[in-house]
Amino acid sequence: MSAEAPAPTRPGLLGRFRRWLPSTIDRRVIVAAWATLVVQIGIVGTGGLVRLTGSGLGCPTWPRCTPESFVSTPEMGIHGVIEFGNRLLTFVLVAVAIVTFLFVVRMRRRRRDLFWLALIIGLYVPVQAIIGGITVLTNLNPYVVGLHYFASVILVALAAVFVARVYAVPGPRVRAVPGWYAGLTHLTSAFVLVTVVVGILVTGSGPHAGDGGAARNGLDSEFMQHVHSWPAYITFALTLALIVGARRTPPALRLTFWTTLLLAVEVVQIVVGVWQARAGLPIVLVNVHMILAVVLVAAMTAIVMHLKLPAAAVEPAPDVEPAASFAGR
């Protein structure tokens, strides 16, 4: 008499959860990627609101809101509510980062790019929160506040890279544009970076310190506004050149679309920048200008990410050596 075959065992809860996680790019991964970008841009807006409403020290200490409480108290008024609310949003960023990481963890061998990007973003979020705490502990030192904003700029750029890579075909990639166009793109990126950095210095010299007792960086605010406009207009001119040059790039790269998007962001940013300067730096316009700055970074990052195509789909650009064309997989 033959022995009965053992009954199949049902996977446990952890096993079922693991099977539920995506093993390929699906709608969940795409939504998580866009959510990562949106929340990273959104936290810039709420952080700007904290500063522009003078609520930077609404919670006068960190990580607690007061020496006795982690939450704001009624005695702290609206400034405490605004500052504590912004701190709570950090947990939203952490939650999105954890979900995004879980959605790519089963793809860590086939899509190492997504795995490492999700991990870096997830680890960077608490670092950004710590920098935010240091801004409070240093009584809103303008340079530390500027570093806090710049950390968000980096996170937005990483999130934009993540979104682009989600849509990209995995595997080796080659540059699919002429060398001069790649160089022009990177030059434009450099001026975008300079524009943002000078903008941070301008904000550090202006009236919106985050608190009435916070120090300023001592630079001439009116002069710095003019300095800020120089790299901005150079970026605008370079973007026009990118749009013209995009006609000589493969249609699959969609560089005409991405460069036009970049130009549109710049036009709105310039209009808002000039408007806010002439209107005396109203809170709403300054906050919009801050948000547009990181949207500009995201758009510029998208262009950089669309300079290459899968190696199997394109011949190397004429001025690219075959041995070097597989750089930057």
Protein backbone atom coordinates (compact mmCIF):
# COMPACT_ATOMS: atom_id res chain seq x y z
CA MET A 1 0.00 0.00 0.00
CA SER A 2 1.54 3.25 -1.10
CA ALA A 3 1.95 6.09 1.30
CA GLU A 4 -0.34 9.06 0.79
CA ALA A 5 1.24 12.17 -0.66
CA PRO A 6 1.64 14.91 1.94
CA ALA A 7 -0.94 17.66 1.72
CA PRO A 8 0.44 20.88 0.28
CA THR A 9 1.20 23.45 2.91
CA ARG A 10 -0.33 26.88 2.62
CA PRO A 11 2.13 29.77 2.71
CA GLY A 12 2.12 31.82 5.86
CA LEU A 13 1.13 35.46 6.09
CA LEU A 14 4.68 36.63 5.36
CA GLY A 15 4.87 34.36 2.31
CA ARG A 16 1.56 35.62 0.96
CA PHE A 17 2.66 39.20 1.49
CA ARG A 18 5.90 38.53 -0.35
CA ARG A 19 4.01 37.02 -3.28
CA TRP A 20 1.72 40.05 -3.33
CA LEU A 21 4.67 42.41 -3.78
CA PRO A 22 5.41 43.31 -7.43
CA SER A 23 8.00 41.24 -9.24
CA THR A 24 7.79 43.44 -12.35
CA ILE A 25 6.92 47.06 -13.01
CA ASP A 26 3.17 47.39 -12.61
CA ARG A 27 0.72 50.16 -11.79
CA ARG A 28 1.57 50.00 -8.09
CA VAL A 29 5.24 50.72 -8.76
CA ILE A 30 4.40 53.57 -11.13
CA VAL A 31 2.02 55.14 -8.60
CA ALA A 32 4.61 54.79 -5.84
CA ALA A 33 7.26 56.45 -8.02
CA TRP A 34 5.04 59.43 -8.78
CA ALA A 35 3.93 59.62 -5.15
CA THR A 36 7.59 59.84 -4.14
CA LEU A 37 8.14 62.79 -6.45
CA VAL A 38 4.91 64.55 -5.43
CA VAL A 39 5.51 64.30 -1.67
CA GLN A 40 9.10 65.47 -2.02
CA ILE A 41 7.91 68.54 -3.92
CA GLY A 42 4.99 69.00 -1.52
CA ILE A 43 7.17 69.08 1.60
CA VAL A 44 9.02 72.03 0.06
CA GLY A 45 5.72 73.92 -0.09
CA THR A 46 4.77 73.17 3.50
CA GLY A 47 8.30 73.92 4.68
CA GLY A 48 8.15 77.22 2.86
CA LEU A 49 4.83 77.98 4.57
CA VAL A 50 6.48 77.41 7.95
CA ARG A 51 9.19 79.89 7.13
CA LEU A 52 7.02 82.49 5.42
CA THR A 53 4.46 82.62 8.23
CA GLY A 54 7.17 83.12 10.84
CA SER A 55 6.48 79.68 12.32
CA GLY A 56 10.03 78.35 12.11
CA LEU A 57 10.29 78.32 15.89
CA GLY A 58 6.64 77.47 16.46
CA CYS A 59 8.08 74.37 18.08
CA PRO A 60 11.11 75.88 19.83
CA THR A 61 13.03 72.64 20.25
CA TRP A 62 13.62 69.31 18.52
CA PRO A 63 12.80 66.41 18.38
CA ARG A 64 10.14 67.42 20.89
CA CYS A 65 7.90 70.37 20.12
CA THR A 66 8.42 71.68 23.67
CA PRO A 67 10.75 70.37 26.39
CA GLU A 68 7.75 68.51 27.86
CA SER A 69 5.70 67.54 24.79
CA PHE A 70 6.17 66.03 21.35
CA VAL A 71 3.06 67.85 20.09
CA SER A 72 2.19 71.53 19.98
CA THR A 73 0.16 72.99 22.83
CA PRO A 74 -2.73 75.49 22.66
CA GLU A 75 -0.50 78.14 24.22
CA MET A 76 1.79 78.00 21.18
CA GLY A 77 -0.96 79.27 18.90
CA ILE A 78 -1.10 78.98 15.13
CA HIS A 79 2.69 79.02 14.71
CA GLY A 80 3.00 75.87 16.80
CA VAL A 81 0.25 74.19 14.76
CA ILE A 82 1.96 75.07 11.45
CA GLU A 83 5.42 73.93 12.53
CA PHE A 84 4.15 70.72 14.15
CA GLY A 85 2.01 69.99 11.09
CA ASN A 86 5.07 70.23 8.87
CA ARG A 87 6.93 67.84 11.15
CA LEU A 88 4.08 65.34 10.89
CA LEU A 89 4.41 65.36 7.11
CA THR A 90 7.84 63.78 7.53
CA PHE A 91 6.03 60.60 8.52
CA VAL A 92 4.14 60.74 5.22
CA LEU A 93 7.48 60.88 3.40
CA VAL A 94 8.75 57.94 5.46
CA ALA A 95 5.60 55.92 4.73
CA VAL A 96 5.83 56.57 0.99
CA ALA A 97 9.55 55.70 1.02
CA ILE A 98 8.91 52.40 2.82
CA VAL A 99 6.08 51.41 0.47
CA THR A 100 8.18 52.32 -2.58
CA PHE A 101 11.11 50.28 -1.31
CA LEU A 102 8.88 47.26 -0.64
CA PHE A 103 7.45 47.52 -4.15
CA VAL A 104 10.90 47.13 -5.73
CA VAL A 105 12.59 44.79 -3.27
CA ARG A 106 11.63 41.64 -5.24
CA MET A 107 13.22 43.23 -8.33
CA ARG A 108 16.53 43.92 -6.64
CA ARG A 109 18.45 41.58 -8.99
CA ARG A 110 16.79 42.55 -12.27
CA ARG A 111 16.31 46.23 -11.42
CA ARG A 112 19.19 47.12 -9.15
CA ASP A 113 18.82 50.74 -10.23
CA LEU A 114 15.32 50.99 -8.75
CA PHE A 115 16.33 49.08 -5.62
CA TRP A 116 19.25 51.37 -4.81
CA LEU A 117 17.38 54.55 -5.69
CA ALA A 118 14.48 53.58 -3.41
CA LEU A 119 16.91 52.69 -0.64
CA ILE A 120 18.88 55.92 -0.95
CA ILE A 121 15.72 58.04 -0.95
CA GLY A 122 14.38 56.12 2.05
CA LEU A 123 17.59 56.64 4.03
CA TYR A 124 17.87 60.28 2.96
CA VAL A 125 14.43 61.23 4.35
CA PRO A 126 15.44 60.89 8.04
CA VAL A 127 18.70 62.71 7.29
CA GLN A 128 16.62 65.58 5.92
CA ALA A 129 14.50 65.52 9.09
CA ILE A 130 17.65 65.74 11.23
CA ILE A 131 18.84 68.76 9.23
CA GLY A 132 15.44 70.31 9.87
CA GLY A 133 15.92 69.71 13.58
CA ILE A 134 19.33 71.37 13.45
CA THR A 135 17.73 74.47 11.89
CA VAL A 136 15.56 74.78 14.99
CA LEU A 137 18.41 74.10 17.41
CA THR A 138 20.55 76.78 15.67
CA ASN A 139 17.73 79.33 15.95
CA LEU A 140 17.11 79.24 12.19
CA ASN A 141 20.64 79.99 11.10
CA PRO A 142 20.13 81.10 7.46
CA TYR A 143 22.86 78.85 6.12
CA VAL A 144 21.49 75.78 7.91
CA VAL A 145 18.01 76.67 6.66
CA GLY A 146 19.47 76.93 3.16
CA LEU A 147 21.10 73.52 3.57
CA HIS A 148 17.71 72.14 4.63
CA TYR A 149 16.15 73.44 1.42
CA PHE A 150 19.02 72.18 -0.71
CA ALA A 151 18.63 68.72 0.79
CA SER A 152 15.07 68.77 -0.54
CA VAL A 153 16.42 69.78 -3.95
CA ILE A 154 18.57 66.64 -3.98
CA LEU A 155 15.64 64.48 -2.88
CA VAL A 156 13.44 65.88 -5.65
CA ALA A 157 16.18 65.17 -8.20
CA LEU A 158 16.55 61.59 -6.94
CA ALA A 159 12.77 61.12 -7.06
CA ALA A 160 12.73 62.41 -10.66
CA VAL A 161 15.47 59.93 -11.57
CA PHE A 162 13.41 57.16 -9.96
CA VAL A 163 10.32 58.07 -12.00
CA ALA A 164 12.35 58.13 -15.22
CA ARG A 165 13.95 54.76 -14.48
CA VAL A 166 10.59 53.14 -13.74
CA TYR A 167 9.58 53.83 -17.34
CA ALA A 168 12.97 52.88 -18.78
CA VAL A 169 13.86 49.52 -20.30
CA PRO A 170 16.35 47.77 -17.99
CA GLY A 171 19.85 46.93 -19.13
CA PRO A 172 22.75 48.75 -20.77
CA ARG A 173 22.05 52.18 -22.21
CA VAL A 174 23.96 54.30 -24.70
CA ARG A 175 24.00 58.00 -25.34
CA ALA A 176 21.68 58.63 -28.28
CA VAL A 177 22.41 62.32 -28.83
CA PRO A 178 25.43 64.11 -30.31
CA GLY A 179 28.19 65.05 -27.89
CA TRP A 180 27.53 68.77 -28.27
CA TYR A 181 23.88 68.29 -27.25
CA ALA A 182 24.84 66.24 -24.18
CA GLY A 183 27.35 68.94 -23.24
CA LEU A 184 24.76 71.67 -23.70
CA THR A 185 22.35 69.72 -21.49
CA HIS A 186 24.86 69.36 -18.69
CA LEU A 187 25.82 73.03 -18.99
CA THR A 188 22.15 73.94 -18.60
CA SER A 189 21.97 71.65 -15.57
CA ALA A 190 24.90 73.48 -14.03
CA PHE A 191 23.19 76.84 -14.45
CA VAL A 192 19.97 75.44 -12.98
CA LEU A 193 22.02 74.42 -9.94
CA VAL A 194 23.67 77.85 -9.71
CA THR A 195 20.28 79.55 -10.01
CA VAL A 196 18.86 77.50 -7.15
CA VAL A 197 21.89 78.04 -4.90
CA VAL A 198 21.89 81.81 -5.48
CA GLY A 199 18.13 81.79 -4.86
CA ILE A 200 18.75 80.16 -1.49
CA LEU A 201 21.22 82.95 -0.64
CA VAL A 202 18.67 85.56 -1.73
CA THR A 203 16.06 84.07 0.57
CA GLY A 204 18.59 84.03 3.40
CA SER A 205 19.09 87.77 2.99
CA GLY A 206 15.41 88.71 2.67
CA PRO A 207 12.68 89.51 5.17
CA HIS A 208 11.26 86.00 5.55
CA ALA A 209 13.51 84.58 8.25
CA GLY A 210 11.04 82.10 9.73
CA ASP A 211 10.96 83.99 13.02
CA GLY A 212 11.25 87.60 14.08
CA GLY A 213 14.42 86.93 16.05
CA ALA A 214 16.22 84.82 13.45
CA ALA A 215 19.43 86.13 11.92
CA ARG A 216 19.95 86.98 8.24
CA ASN A 217 23.06 86.17 6.22
CA GLY A 218 24.01 89.85 5.89
CA LEU A 219 23.99 90.01 2.08
CA ASP A 220 22.36 92.90 0.25
CA SER A 221 18.93 91.50 -0.60
CA GLU A 222 18.21 93.88 -3.49
CA PHE A 223 21.60 93.29 -5.10
CA MET A 224 21.30 89.53 -4.61
CA GLN A 225 17.98 89.56 -6.48
CA HIS A 226 19.82 90.94 -9.51
CA VAL A 227 22.60 88.36 -9.11
CA HIS A 228 19.94 85.64 -8.93
CA SER A 229 18.47 86.75 -12.25
CA TRP A 230 21.76 86.38 -14.17
CA PRO A 231 22.07 82.56 -14.09
CA ALA A 232 18.28 82.33 -14.44
CA TYR A 233 18.29 84.17 -17.77
CA ILE A 234 21.33 82.21 -18.95
CA THR A 235 19.41 79.02 -18.13
CA PHE A 236 16.48 80.37 -20.15
CA ALA A 237 18.72 81.05 -23.18
CA LEU A 238 20.35 77.63 -22.94
CA THR A 239 16.92 76.01 -22.76
CA LEU A 240 15.93 77.71 -26.01
CA ALA A 241 19.06 76.22 -27.57
CA LEU A 242 18.10 72.79 -26.20
CA ILE A 243 14.66 73.06 -27.81
CA VAL A 244 16.17 73.95 -31.19
CA GLY A 245 18.77 71.18 -30.92
CA ALA A 246 16.14 68.61 -29.87
CA ARG A 247 15.03 68.45 -33.50
CA ARG A 248 18.28 66.63 -34.30
CA THR A 249 17.77 63.96 -31.65
CA PRO A 250 15.93 60.62 -32.01
CA PRO A 251 12.14 61.02 -31.65
CA ALA A 252 12.08 58.13 -29.17
CA LEU A 253 13.86 60.34 -26.63
CA ARG A 254 10.97 62.86 -26.71
CA LEU A 255 13.44 65.64 -25.97
CA THR A 256 11.28 68.23 -27.71
CA PHE A 257 8.55 67.51 -25.16
CA TRP A 258 10.87 67.57 -22.14
CA THR A 259 12.75 70.71 -23.16
CA THR A 260 9.46 72.50 -23.88
CA LEU A 261 8.24 71.47 -20.43
CA LEU A 262 11.43 72.87 -18.92
CA LEU A 263 10.93 76.13 -20.81
CA ALA A 264 7.33 76.38 -19.58
CA VAL A 265 8.45 75.99 -15.97
CA GLU A 266 11.12 78.64 -16.47
CA VAL A 267 8.67 81.11 -17.98
CA VAL A 268 6.28 80.73 -15.04
CA GLN A 269 9.20 80.91 -12.61
CA ILE A 270 10.51 84.11 -14.19
CA VAL A 271 7.07 85.73 -14.17
CA VAL A 272 6.52 84.82 -10.52
CA GLY A 273 10.04 85.95 -9.60
CA VAL A 274 9.67 89.38 -11.20
CA TRP A 275 6.14 89.74 -9.80
CA GLN A 276 7.15 88.90 -6.23
CA ALA A 277 10.10 91.31 -6.36
CA ARG A 278 7.91 94.20 -7.54
CA ALA A 279 5.08 93.33 -5.14
CA GLY A 280 7.29 93.38 -2.05
CA LEU A 281 7.75 89.60 -1.63
CA PRO A 282 4.21 88.52 -0.65
CA ILE A 283 4.04 85.15 1.09
CA VAL A 284 1.99 83.35 -1.56
CA LEU A 285 4.25 84.33 -4.45
CA VAL A 286 7.43 83.53 -2.56
CA ASN A 287 6.10 80.09 -1.67
CA VAL A 288 5.09 79.41 -5.28
CA HIS A 289 8.56 80.52 -6.38
CA MET A 290 10.16 78.07 -3.93
CA ILE A 291 8.03 75.19 -5.19
CA LEU A 292 8.71 76.05 -8.82
CA ALA A 293 12.45 75.93 -8.12
CA VAL A 294 12.32 72.23 -7.27
CA VAL A 295 9.88 71.57 -10.14
CA LEU A 296 12.54 73.16 -12.36
CA VAL A 297 15.12 70.74 -10.94
CA ALA A 298 12.80 67.80 -11.62
CA ALA A 299 12.21 68.91 -15.23
CA MET A 300 15.94 69.38 -15.82
CA THR A 301 16.64 65.96 -14.35
CA ALA A 302 14.09 64.43 -16.72
CA ILE A 303 15.99 65.85 -19.71
CA VAL A 304 19.30 64.45 -18.47
CA MET A 305 17.65 61.06 -17.98
CA HIS A 306 16.39 61.07 -21.58
CA LEU A 307 19.76 61.43 -23.29
CA LYS A 308 20.16 57.66 -23.55
CA LEU A 309 18.30 54.74 -25.07
CA PRO A 310 18.62 50.97 -24.51
CA ALA A 311 21.81 49.70 -26.14
CA ALA A 312 19.90 47.23 -28.29
CA ALA A 313 17.67 49.94 -29.72
CA VAL A 314 20.20 52.47 -31.00
CA GLU A 315 23.57 52.73 -32.62
CA PRO A 316 26.15 54.75 -30.67
CA ALA A 317 26.24 58.45 -31.49
CA PRO A 318 28.81 59.27 -34.20
CA ASP A 319 31.30 60.81 -31.81
CA VAL A 320 31.02 58.10 -29.14
CA GLU A 321 33.58 55.31 -28.95
CA PRO A 322 31.81 51.92 -28.78
CA ALA A 323 33.82 50.86 -25.77
CA ALA A 324 32.70 53.93 -23.85
CA SER A 325 29.14 54.00 -25.02
CA PHE A 326 27.88 51.68 -22.31
CA ALA A 327 28.79 54.04 -19.48
CA GLY A 328 26.04 54.89 -17.10
CA ARG A 329 23.91 51.78 -17.27
